[in-house]
Amino acid sequence: MDKKINEQLDYLEELLRKVNSTLSPYTIHDELAWLLNDRNKQHIFEKHPQCWLPVRIGQDVPFFPVCNRTGAYEPAIIHFSLRMARKLCKRTEVDQEHLATIISKLETLHRKFSQDIPKPSNMAYKKGLTTRMFNNIKQYLNK
């Protein structure tokens, strides 16, 4: 029962993310520009600290964003952060071990949110049953 509820919650979260990205009038460039503003960055960091992955470069601690302005994971922003993290691999003043863990987290998030979450098993069963019934009807009509 617990697994079934988790599957359904994951599916609902995926649907909410898709609806939000469809209805949102902001493009990825608007979201990144909004996130680069220091005041907005501080506001979203206080509200959703899980939306940022920090890495130390000398004295500075820049953050890689993984969420949009509403606090939902955004695949395009995760992809942007992953590209920036890979570019930082070439710099010597970056803590390479910590950056490697950040890159692995970003890759995991990118794999998770760039693909559709599979439908819960009961929905897949119903779809399969419906498809079989339609195929039976088609075979009957063809005779």
Protein backbone atom coordinates (compact mmCIF):
# COMPACT_ATOMS: atom_id res chain seq x y z
CA MET A 1 0.00 0.00 0.00
CA ASP A 2 2.83 2.37 0.87
CA LYS A 3 4.52 1.85 -2.51
CA LYS A 4 1.25 2.49 -4.32
CA ILE A 5 0.74 5.79 -2.49
CA ASN A 6 4.33 6.87 -3.23
CA GLU A 7 3.84 6.06 -6.93
CA GLN A 8 0.67 8.10 -7.04
CA LEU A 9 2.28 11.03 -5.21
CA ASP A 10 5.25 10.98 -7.61
CA TYR A 11 2.86 10.97 -10.53
CA LEU A 12 0.88 13.89 -9.09
CA GLU A 13 4.08 15.84 -8.45
CA GLU A 14 5.10 15.27 -12.08
CA LEU A 15 1.70 16.45 -13.30
CA LEU A 16 1.88 19.58 -11.12
CA ARG A 17 5.35 20.34 -12.45
CA LYS A 18 4.13 19.98 -16.05
CA VAL A 19 1.08 22.16 -15.44
CA ASN A 20 3.23 24.80 -13.74
CA SER A 21 5.72 24.87 -16.61
CA THR A 22 2.88 25.03 -19.16
CA LEU A 23 0.93 27.79 -17.45
CA SER A 24 3.94 29.82 -16.34
CA PRO A 25 4.55 32.79 -18.63
CA TYR A 26 8.27 32.78 -17.77
CA THR A 27 10.90 31.33 -20.06
CA ILE A 28 14.09 29.73 -18.78
CA HIS A 29 15.95 32.98 -19.45
CA ASP A 30 13.46 34.92 -17.33
CA GLU A 31 13.81 32.37 -14.51
CA LEU A 32 17.62 32.51 -14.57
CA ALA A 33 17.64 36.31 -14.67
CA TRP A 34 15.25 36.34 -11.72
CA LEU A 35 17.46 33.89 -9.81
CA LEU A 36 20.59 35.96 -10.44
CA ASN A 37 19.11 38.96 -8.63
CA ASP A 38 20.64 38.97 -5.12
CA ARG A 39 17.41 39.95 -3.38
CA ASN A 40 15.44 37.22 -5.13
CA LYS A 41 18.21 34.72 -4.49
CA GLN A 42 18.16 35.49 -0.77
CA HIS A 43 14.35 35.27 -0.65
CA ILE A 44 14.19 31.88 -2.38
CA PHE A 45 17.13 30.58 -0.33
CA GLU A 46 15.31 31.40 2.91
CA LYS A 47 12.07 29.90 1.66
CA HIS A 48 13.46 26.82 -0.17
CA PRO A 49 17.05 26.01 0.89
CA GLN A 50 16.94 22.66 -0.96
CA CYS A 51 16.83 24.59 -4.25
CA TRP A 52 20.52 25.49 -4.10
CA LEU A 53 23.69 23.40 -4.24
CA PRO A 54 26.72 25.32 -2.88
CA VAL A 55 30.34 24.93 -4.02
CA ARG A 56 33.40 26.76 -2.69
CA ILE A 57 35.64 28.69 -5.08
CA GLY A 58 38.40 30.29 -3.05
CA GLN A 59 36.64 32.67 -0.63
CA ASP A 60 33.37 32.80 -2.58
CA VAL A 61 30.54 30.30 -2.28
CA PRO A 62 28.40 30.42 -5.41
CA PHE A 63 25.24 28.36 -5.56
CA PHE A 64 23.84 26.25 -8.35
CA PRO A 65 20.07 26.69 -8.65
CA VAL A 66 17.90 23.64 -9.30
CA CYS A 67 14.41 25.15 -8.81
CA ASN A 68 12.32 27.84 -10.40
CA ARG A 69 10.92 30.85 -8.55
CA THR A 70 8.06 28.80 -7.05
CA GLY A 71 10.43 26.27 -5.48
CA ALA A 72 9.64 23.43 -7.90
CA TYR A 73 12.45 21.50 -9.57
CA GLU A 74 12.92 22.70 -13.14
CA PRO A 75 14.77 20.43 -15.62
CA ALA A 76 16.05 23.34 -17.73
CA ILE A 77 17.56 25.08 -14.69
CA ILE A 78 19.11 21.80 -13.51
CA HIS A 79 20.62 21.34 -16.98
CA PHE A 80 22.01 24.89 -16.89
CA SER A 81 23.57 24.30 -13.46
CA LEU A 82 25.05 21.02 -14.65
CA ARG A 83 26.68 22.74 -17.64
CA MET A 84 28.12 25.44 -15.38
CA ALA A 85 29.44 22.87 -12.90
CA ARG A 86 31.16 20.96 -15.69
CA LYS A 87 32.81 24.19 -16.88
CA LEU A 88 34.11 24.79 -13.35
CA CYS A 89 35.95 21.45 -13.42
CA LYS A 90 38.75 23.09 -15.40
CA ARG A 91 39.46 25.73 -12.76
CA THR A 92 42.13 24.99 -10.17
CA GLU A 93 40.76 27.10 -7.32
CA VAL A 94 37.63 24.93 -7.07
CA ASP A 95 37.41 22.09 -4.57
CA GLN A 96 37.32 19.26 -7.11
CA GLU A 97 36.05 16.56 -4.71
CA HIS A 98 33.12 18.67 -3.59
CA LEU A 99 32.42 19.70 -7.18
CA ALA A 100 32.37 16.03 -8.22
CA THR A 101 29.67 15.30 -5.62
CA ILE A 102 27.70 18.34 -6.79
CA ILE A 103 27.94 17.15 -10.40
CA SER A 104 26.74 13.67 -9.43
CA LYS A 105 23.77 15.20 -7.54
CA LEU A 106 22.94 17.40 -10.52
CA GLU A 107 23.15 14.44 -12.90
CA THR A 108 20.85 12.43 -10.64
CA LEU A 109 18.35 15.30 -10.49
CA HIS A 110 18.60 15.78 -14.25
CA ARG A 111 17.87 12.09 -14.90
CA LYS A 112 14.99 12.14 -12.43
CA PHE A 113 13.23 15.28 -13.63
CA SER A 114 14.01 15.26 -17.34
CA GLN A 115 12.08 12.02 -17.86
CA ASP A 116 8.43 11.42 -17.24
CA ILE A 117 7.57 9.52 -14.11
CA PRO A 118 5.91 6.23 -15.03
CA LYS A 119 2.23 5.96 -14.35
CA PRO A 120 1.22 4.09 -11.19
CA SER A 121 0.72 0.36 -11.64
CA ASN A 122 -3.07 0.48 -11.33
CA MET A 123 -3.27 3.10 -14.11
CA ALA A 124 -0.97 1.00 -16.31
CA TYR A 125 -3.15 -2.05 -15.67
CA LYS A 126 -6.30 -0.14 -16.62
CA LYS A 127 -4.66 1.18 -19.79
CA GLY A 128 -3.53 -2.32 -20.76
CA LEU A 129 -7.00 -3.71 -20.13
CA THR A 130 -8.59 -0.97 -22.24
CA THR A 131 -6.12 -1.56 -25.07
CA ARG A 132 -6.86 -5.30 -25.06
CA MET A 133 -10.60 -4.64 -25.16
CA PHE A 134 -10.21 -2.26 -28.11
CA ASN A 135 -8.09 -4.83 -29.94
CA ASN A 136 -10.77 -7.48 -29.32
CA ILE A 137 -13.43 -5.12 -30.69
CA LYS A 138 -11.31 -4.39 -33.78
CA GLN A 139 -10.78 -8.13 -34.42
CA TYR A 140 -14.49 -8.78 -34.05
CA LEU A 141 -15.38 -5.96 -36.46
CA ASN A 142 -12.83 -7.15 -39.02
CA LYS A 143 -14.50 -10.59 -39.13
